[in-house]
Amino acid sequence: PILRMAKAKAGPLVTDNGNFIIDVDFGIVKKPSEINKKILMIPGVVDTGLFIGMASKAYFGQKDGSVSTR
């Protein structure tokens, strides 16, 4: 887990509601609903960035500037 740092000021990024954002790479997630539920049960967690059942397509920016979809 990595605390997201602000780009326009020194220190961590703070949301409009005064919360911090933690970035985590879980690798390949086979059961995103279960992980989402477990994360939300952690005291202090407000929400996740998992869009379960909300998207039919995802866009991925590649290092070479191209975009792939799934």
PDB file of N, CA and C in Angstrom:
ATOM      1  N   PRO A   1       0.833  -1.203   0.000  1.00  0.00           N
ATOM      2  CA  PRO A   1       0.000   0.000   0.000  1.00  0.00           C
ATOM      3  C   PRO A   1       0.868   1.254   0.000  1.00  0.00           C
ATOM      4  N   ILE A   2       0.485   2.216  -0.824  1.00  0.00           N
ATOM      5  CA  ILE A   2       1.252   3.457  -0.947  1.00  0.00           C
ATOM      6  C   ILE A   2       0.313   4.644  -0.777  1.00  0.00           C
ATOM      7  N   LEU A   3       0.689   5.544   0.116  1.00  0.00           N
ATOM      8  CA  LEU A   3      -0.071   6.772   0.308  1.00  0.00           C
ATOM      9  C   LEU A   3       0.146   7.654  -0.915  1.00  0.00           C
ATOM     10  N   ARG A   4      -0.941   8.040  -1.599  1.00  0.00           N
ATOM     11  CA  ARG A   4      -0.822   8.866  -2.801  1.00  0.00           C
ATOM     12  C   ARG A   4      -0.389  10.270  -2.404  1.00  0.00           C
ATOM     13  N   MET A   5       0.687  10.726  -3.039  1.00  0.00           N
ATOM     14  CA  MET A   5       1.227  12.045  -2.739  1.00  0.00           C
ATOM     15  C   MET A   5       0.665  13.079  -3.714  1.00  0.00           C
ATOM     16  N   ALA A   6       0.499  14.296  -3.235  1.00  0.00           N
ATOM     17  CA  ALA A   6      -0.007  15.392  -4.065  1.00  0.00           C
ATOM     18  C   ALA A   6       1.072  15.822  -5.047  1.00  0.00           C
ATOM     19  N   LYS A   7       0.650  16.345  -6.189  1.00  0.00           N
ATOM     20  CA  LYS A   7       1.610  16.817  -7.184  1.00  0.00           C
ATOM     21  C   LYS A   7       1.793  18.326  -7.119  1.00  0.00           C
ATOM     22  N   ALA A   8       0.772  19.050  -6.671  1.00  0.00           N
ATOM     23  CA  ALA A   8       0.838  20.514  -6.661  1.00  0.00           C
ATOM     24  C   ALA A   8       1.275  21.088  -5.315  1.00  0.00           C
ATOM     25  N   LYS A   9       1.459  20.226  -4.310  1.00  0.00           N
ATOM     26  CA  LYS A   9       1.886  20.696  -2.992  1.00  0.00           C
ATOM     27  C   LYS A   9       2.665  19.591  -2.310  1.00  0.00           C
ATOM     28  N   ALA A  10       3.349  19.923  -1.234  1.00  0.00           N
ATOM     29  CA  ALA A  10       4.097  18.924  -0.482  1.00  0.00           C
ATOM     30  C   ALA A  10       3.140  18.127   0.390  1.00  0.00           C
ATOM     31  N   GLY A  11       3.365  16.831   0.477  1.00  0.00           N
ATOM     32  CA  GLY A  11       2.559  15.991   1.349  1.00  0.00           C
ATOM     33  C   GLY A  11       1.554  15.144   0.598  1.00  0.00           C
ATOM     34  N   PRO A  12       0.756  14.389   1.347  1.00  0.00           N
ATOM     35  CA  PRO A  12      -0.199  13.470   0.728  1.00  0.00           C
ATOM     36  C   PRO A  12      -1.381  14.193   0.088  1.00  0.00           C
ATOM     37  N   LEU A  13      -1.981  13.522  -0.879  1.00  0.00           N
ATOM     38  CA  LEU A  13      -3.193  14.034  -1.507  1.00  0.00           C
ATOM     39  C   LEU A  13      -4.340  13.907  -0.512  1.00  0.00           C
ATOM     40  N   VAL A  14      -5.128  14.951  -0.381  1.00  0.00           N
ATOM     41  CA  VAL A  14      -6.275  14.947   0.530  1.00  0.00           C
ATOM     42  C   VAL A  14      -7.522  15.211  -0.307  1.00  0.00           C
ATOM     43  N   THR A  15      -8.552  14.375  -0.149  1.00  0.00           N
ATOM     44  CA  THR A  15      -9.786  14.545  -0.913  1.00  0.00           C
ATOM     45  C   THR A  15     -10.564  15.754  -0.402  1.00  0.00           C
ATOM     46  N   ASP A  16     -11.613  16.115  -1.129  1.00  0.00           N
ATOM     47  CA  ASP A  16     -12.464  17.234  -0.711  1.00  0.00           C
ATOM     48  C   ASP A  16     -13.083  16.996   0.662  1.00  0.00           C
ATOM     49  N   ASN A  17     -13.241  15.723   1.036  1.00  0.00           N
ATOM     50  CA  ASN A  17     -13.821  15.384   2.340  1.00  0.00           C
ATOM     51  C   ASN A  17     -12.767  15.201   3.426  1.00  0.00           C
ATOM     52  N   GLY A  18     -11.502  15.492   3.104  1.00  0.00           N
ATOM     53  CA  GLY A  18     -10.439  15.393   4.101  1.00  0.00           C
ATOM     54  C   GLY A  18      -9.873  13.999   4.282  1.00  0.00           C
ATOM     55  N   ASN A  19     -10.093  13.115   3.315  1.00  0.00           N
ATOM     56  CA  ASN A  19      -9.598  11.742   3.403  1.00  0.00           C
ATOM     57  C   ASN A  19      -8.315  11.578   2.597  1.00  0.00           C
ATOM     58  N   PHE A  20      -7.548  10.547   2.924  1.00  0.00           N
ATOM     59  CA  PHE A  20      -6.339  10.206   2.189  1.00  0.00           C
ATOM     60  C   PHE A  20      -6.657   9.087   1.212  1.00  0.00           C
ATOM     61  N   ILE A  21      -5.840   8.965   0.162  1.00  0.00           N
ATOM     62  CA  ILE A  21      -6.013   7.900  -0.821  1.00  0.00           C
ATOM     63  C   ILE A  21      -4.812   6.974  -0.728  1.00  0.00           C
ATOM     64  N   ILE A  22      -5.096   5.682  -0.587  1.00  0.00           N
ATOM     65  CA  ILE A  22      -4.060   4.655  -0.537  1.00  0.00           C
ATOM     66  C   ILE A  22      -4.160   3.841  -1.824  1.00  0.00           C
ATOM     67  N   ASP A  23      -3.052   3.720  -2.557  1.00  0.00           N
ATOM     68  CA  ASP A  23      -3.019   2.912  -3.776  1.00  0.00           C
ATOM     69  C   ASP A  23      -2.445   1.542  -3.446  1.00  0.00           C
ATOM     70  N   VAL A  24      -3.123   0.491  -3.921  1.00  0.00           N
ATOM     71  CA  VAL A  24      -2.686  -0.880  -3.662  1.00  0.00           C
ATOM     72  C   VAL A  24      -2.783  -1.677  -4.959  1.00  0.00           C
ATOM     73  N   ASP A  25      -1.731  -2.429  -5.277  1.00  0.00           N
ATOM     74  CA  ASP A  25      -1.750  -3.315  -6.442  1.00  0.00           C
ATOM     75  C   ASP A  25      -2.008  -4.728  -5.939  1.00  0.00           C
ATOM     76  N   PHE A  26      -3.173  -5.268  -6.261  1.00  0.00           N
ATOM     77  CA  PHE A  26      -3.532  -6.619  -5.840  1.00  0.00           C
ATOM     78  C   PHE A  26      -3.166  -7.661  -6.884  1.00  0.00           C
ATOM     79  N   GLY A  27      -2.601  -7.242  -8.009  1.00  0.00           N
ATOM     80  CA  GLY A  27      -2.331  -8.192  -9.087  1.00  0.00           C
ATOM     81  C   GLY A  27      -3.653  -8.614  -9.712  1.00  0.00           C
ATOM     82  N   ILE A  28      -3.714  -9.842 -10.183  1.00  0.00           N
ATOM     83  CA  ILE A  28      -4.948 -10.355 -10.785  1.00  0.00           C
ATOM     84  C   ILE A  28      -5.926 -10.692  -9.666  1.00  0.00           C
ATOM     85  N   VAL A  29      -7.115 -10.127  -9.746  1.00  0.00           N
ATOM     86  CA  VAL A  29      -8.142 -10.342  -8.724  1.00  0.00           C
ATOM     87  C   VAL A  29      -9.219 -11.241  -9.309  1.00  0.00           C
ATOM     88  N   LYS A  30      -9.375 -12.425  -8.739  1.00  0.00           N
ATOM     89  CA  LYS A  30     -10.360 -13.380  -9.261  1.00  0.00           C
ATOM     90  C   LYS A  30     -11.755 -13.135  -8.715  1.00  0.00           C
ATOM     91  N   LYS A  31     -11.854 -12.593  -7.508  1.00  0.00           N
ATOM     92  CA  LYS A  31     -13.158 -12.344  -6.887  1.00  0.00           C
ATOM     93  C   LYS A  31     -13.198 -10.908  -6.355  1.00  0.00           C
ATOM     94  N   PRO A  32     -13.368  -9.930  -7.252  1.00  0.00           N
ATOM     95  CA  PRO A  32     -13.329  -8.533  -6.820  1.00  0.00           C
ATOM     96  C   PRO A  32     -14.393  -8.173  -5.785  1.00  0.00           C
ATOM     97  N   SER A  33     -15.557  -8.794  -5.843  1.00  0.00           N
ATOM     98  CA  SER A  33     -16.615  -8.494  -4.862  1.00  0.00           C
ATOM     99  C   SER A  33     -16.170  -8.832  -3.449  1.00  0.00           C
ATOM    100  N   GLU A  34     -15.482  -9.958  -3.301  1.00  0.00           N
ATOM    101  CA  GLU A  34     -15.012 -10.373  -1.972  1.00  0.00           C
ATOM    102  C   GLU A  34     -13.942  -9.418  -1.453  1.00  0.00           C
ATOM    103  N   ILE A  35     -13.015  -9.039  -2.311  1.00  0.00           N
ATOM    104  CA  ILE A  35     -11.957  -8.110  -1.885  1.00  0.00           C
ATOM    105  C   ILE A  35     -12.569  -6.769  -1.503  1.00  0.00           C
ATOM    106  N   ASN A  36     -13.522  -6.299  -2.293  1.00  0.00           N
ATOM    107  CA  ASN A  36     -14.187  -5.028  -2.002  1.00  0.00           C
ATOM    108  C   ASN A  36     -14.840  -5.071  -0.620  1.00  0.00           C
ATOM    109  N   LYS A  37     -15.555  -6.145  -0.320  1.00  0.00           N
ATOM    110  CA  LYS A  37     -16.220  -6.281   0.989  1.00  0.00           C
ATOM    111  C   LYS A  37     -15.204  -6.286   2.124  1.00  0.00           C
ATOM    112  N   LYS A  38     -14.094  -7.021   1.933  1.00  0.00           N
ATOM    113  CA  LYS A  38     -13.068  -7.100   2.981  1.00  0.00           C
ATOM    114  C   LYS A  38     -12.415  -5.739   3.233  1.00  0.00           C
ATOM    115  N   ILE A  39     -12.140  -5.008   2.153  1.00  0.00           N
ATOM    116  CA  ILE A  39     -11.523  -3.685   2.312  1.00  0.00           C
ATOM    117  C   ILE A  39     -12.469  -2.749   3.056  1.00  0.00           C
ATOM    118  N   LEU A  40     -13.749  -2.771   2.680  1.00  0.00           N
ATOM    119  CA  LEU A  40     -14.727  -1.877   3.311  1.00  0.00           C
ATOM    120  C   LEU A  40     -14.935  -2.189   4.791  1.00  0.00           C
ATOM    121  N   MET A  41     -14.564  -3.395   5.230  1.00  0.00           N
ATOM    122  CA  MET A  41     -14.694  -3.765   6.642  1.00  0.00           C
ATOM    123  C   MET A  41     -13.532  -3.247   7.487  1.00  0.00           C
ATOM    124  N   ILE A  42     -12.482  -2.732   6.848  1.00  0.00           N
ATOM    125  CA  ILE A  42     -11.329  -2.203   7.584  1.00  0.00           C
ATOM    126  C   ILE A  42     -11.727  -0.871   8.215  1.00  0.00           C
ATOM    127  N   PRO A  43     -11.548  -0.728   9.533  1.00  0.00           N
ATOM    128  CA  PRO A  43     -11.906   0.536  10.187  1.00  0.00           C
ATOM    129  C   PRO A  43     -11.184   1.721   9.548  1.00  0.00           C
ATOM    130  N   GLY A  44     -11.929   2.765   9.251  1.00  0.00           N
ATOM    131  CA  GLY A  44     -11.371   3.969   8.661  1.00  0.00           C
ATOM    132  C   GLY A  44     -11.490   4.041   7.148  1.00  0.00           C
ATOM    133  N   VAL A  45     -11.761   2.900   6.499  1.00  0.00           N
ATOM    134  CA  VAL A  45     -11.920   2.907   5.043  1.00  0.00           C
ATOM    135  C   VAL A  45     -13.275   3.500   4.703  1.00  0.00           C
ATOM    136  N   VAL A  46     -13.282   4.491   3.820  1.00  0.00           N
ATOM    137  CA  VAL A  46     -14.519   5.160   3.416  1.00  0.00           C
ATOM    138  C   VAL A  46     -15.114   4.471   2.197  1.00  0.00           C
ATOM    139  N   ASP A  47     -14.286   4.154   1.207  1.00  0.00           N
ATOM    140  CA  ASP A  47     -14.770   3.517  -0.017  1.00  0.00           C
ATOM    141  C   ASP A  47     -13.588   2.951  -0.777  1.00  0.00           C
ATOM    142  N   THR A  48     -13.857   2.230  -1.853  1.00  0.00           N
ATOM    143  CA  THR A  48     -12.800   1.700  -2.709  1.00  0.00           C
ATOM    144  C   THR A  48     -12.968   2.273  -4.108  1.00  0.00           C
ATOM    145  N   GLY A  49     -11.969   2.069  -4.918  1.00  0.00           N
ATOM    146  CA  GLY A  49     -12.045   2.499  -6.313  1.00  0.00           C
ATOM    147  C   GLY A  49     -12.406   1.355  -7.234  1.00  0.00           C
ATOM    148  N   LEU A  50     -12.996   0.299  -6.678  1.00  0.00           N
ATOM    149  CA  LEU A  50     -13.405  -0.839  -7.499  1.00  0.00           C
ATOM    150  C   LEU A  50     -14.804  -0.590  -8.038  1.00  0.00           C
ATOM    151  N   PHE A  51     -14.951  -0.691  -9.330  1.00  0.00           N
ATOM    152  CA  PHE A  51     -16.238  -0.433  -9.983  1.00  0.00           C
ATOM    153  C   PHE A  51     -16.881  -1.761 -10.358  1.00  0.00           C
ATOM    154  N   ILE A  52     -17.364  -2.478  -9.362  1.00  0.00           N
ATOM    155  CA  ILE A  52     -17.900  -3.821  -9.555  1.00  0.00           C
ATOM    156  C   ILE A  52     -19.299  -3.749 -10.148  1.00  0.00           C
ATOM    157  N   GLY A  53     -19.469  -4.414 -11.293  1.00  0.00           N
ATOM    158  CA  GLY A  53     -20.765  -4.462 -11.957  1.00  0.00           C
ATOM    159  C   GLY A  53     -21.191  -3.145 -12.580  1.00  0.00           C
ATOM    160  N   MET A  54     -20.267  -2.190 -12.719  1.00  0.00           N
ATOM    161  CA  MET A  54     -20.628  -0.868 -13.227  1.00  0.00           C
ATOM    162  C   MET A  54     -20.085  -0.593 -14.625  1.00  0.00           C
ATOM    163  N   ALA A  55     -19.137  -1.391 -15.102  1.00  0.00           N
ATOM    164  CA  ALA A  55     -18.516  -1.110 -16.399  1.00  0.00           C
ATOM    165  C   ALA A  55     -18.537  -2.354 -17.274  1.00  0.00           C
ATOM    166  N   SER A  56     -18.728  -2.142 -18.562  1.00  0.00           N
ATOM    167  CA  SER A  56     -18.685  -3.259 -19.503  1.00  0.00           C
ATOM    168  C   SER A  56     -17.367  -3.271 -20.280  1.00  0.00           C
ATOM    169  N   LYS A  57     -16.590  -2.195 -20.162  1.00  0.00           N
ATOM    170  CA  LYS A  57     -15.320  -2.102 -20.869  1.00  0.00           C
ATOM    171  C   LYS A  57     -14.347  -1.277 -20.031  1.00  0.00           C
ATOM    172  N   ALA A  58     -13.063  -1.653 -20.098  1.00  0.00           N
ATOM    173  CA  ALA A  58     -12.020  -0.901 -19.397  1.00  0.00           C
ATOM    174  C   ALA A  58     -10.965  -0.463 -20.407  1.00  0.00           C
ATOM    175  N   TYR A  59     -10.423   0.730 -20.212  1.00  0.00           N
ATOM    176  CA  TYR A  59      -9.391   1.283 -21.083  1.00  0.00           C
ATOM    177  C   TYR A  59      -8.086   1.360 -20.298  1.00  0.00           C
ATOM    178  N   PHE A  60      -7.002   0.876 -20.908  1.00  0.00           N
ATOM    179  CA  PHE A  60      -5.704   0.845 -20.248  1.00  0.00           C
ATOM    180  C   PHE A  60      -4.695   1.634 -21.072  1.00  0.00           C
ATOM    181  N   GLY A  61      -4.120   2.684 -20.484  1.00  0.00           N
ATOM    182  CA  GLY A  61      -3.073   3.453 -21.152  1.00  0.00           C
ATOM    183  C   GLY A  61      -1.761   2.694 -21.071  1.00  0.00           C
ATOM    184  N   GLN A  62      -1.095   2.564 -22.200  1.00  0.00           N
ATOM    185  CA  GLN A  62       0.166   1.832 -22.268  1.00  0.00           C
ATOM    186  C   GLN A  62       1.347   2.800 -22.242  1.00  0.00           C
ATOM    187  N   LYS A  63       2.519   2.292 -21.917  1.00  0.00           N
ATOM    188  CA  LYS A  63       3.722   3.126 -21.832  1.00  0.00           C
ATOM    189  C   LYS A  63       4.046   3.813 -23.155  1.00  0.00           C
ATOM    190  N   ASP A  64       3.694   3.168 -24.270  1.00  0.00           N
ATOM    191  CA  ASP A  64       3.998   3.749 -25.582  1.00  0.00           C
ATOM    192  C   ASP A  64       2.952   4.768 -26.036  1.00  0.00           C
ATOM    193  N   GLY A  65       1.974   5.053 -25.187  1.00  0.00           N
ATOM    194  CA  GLY A  65       0.940   6.028 -25.512  1.00  0.00           C
ATOM    195  C   GLY A  65      -0.311   5.433 -26.132  1.00  0.00           C
ATOM    196  N   SER A  66      -0.260   4.150 -26.474  1.00  0.00           N
ATOM    197  CA  SER A  66      -1.443   3.503 -27.042  1.00  0.00           C
ATOM    198  C   SER A  66      -2.429   3.154 -25.931  1.00  0.00           C
ATOM    199  N   VAL A  67      -3.634   2.789 -26.343  1.00  0.00           N
ATOM    200  CA  VAL A  67      -4.683   2.426 -25.392  1.00  0.00           C
ATOM    201  C   VAL A  67      -5.235   1.063 -25.776  1.00  0.00           C
ATOM    202  N   SER A  68      -5.302   0.155 -24.805  1.00  0.00           N
ATOM    203  CA  SER A  68      -5.920  -1.149 -25.051  1.00  0.00           C
ATOM    204  C   SER A  68      -7.232  -1.215 -24.278  1.00  0.00           C
ATOM    205  N   THR A  69      -8.128  -2.069 -24.727  1.00  0.00           N
ATOM    206  CA  THR A  69      -9.425  -2.219 -24.057  1.00  0.00           C
ATOM    207  C   THR A  69      -9.670  -3.680 -23.729  1.00  0.00           C
ATOM    208  N   ARG A  70     -10.484  -3.880 -22.718  1.00  0.00           N
ATOM    209  CA  ARG A  70     -10.931  -5.227 -22.331  1.00  0.00           C
ATOM    210  C   ARG A  70     -12.346  -5.129 -21.873  1.00  0.00           C
TER     211      ARG A  70
END
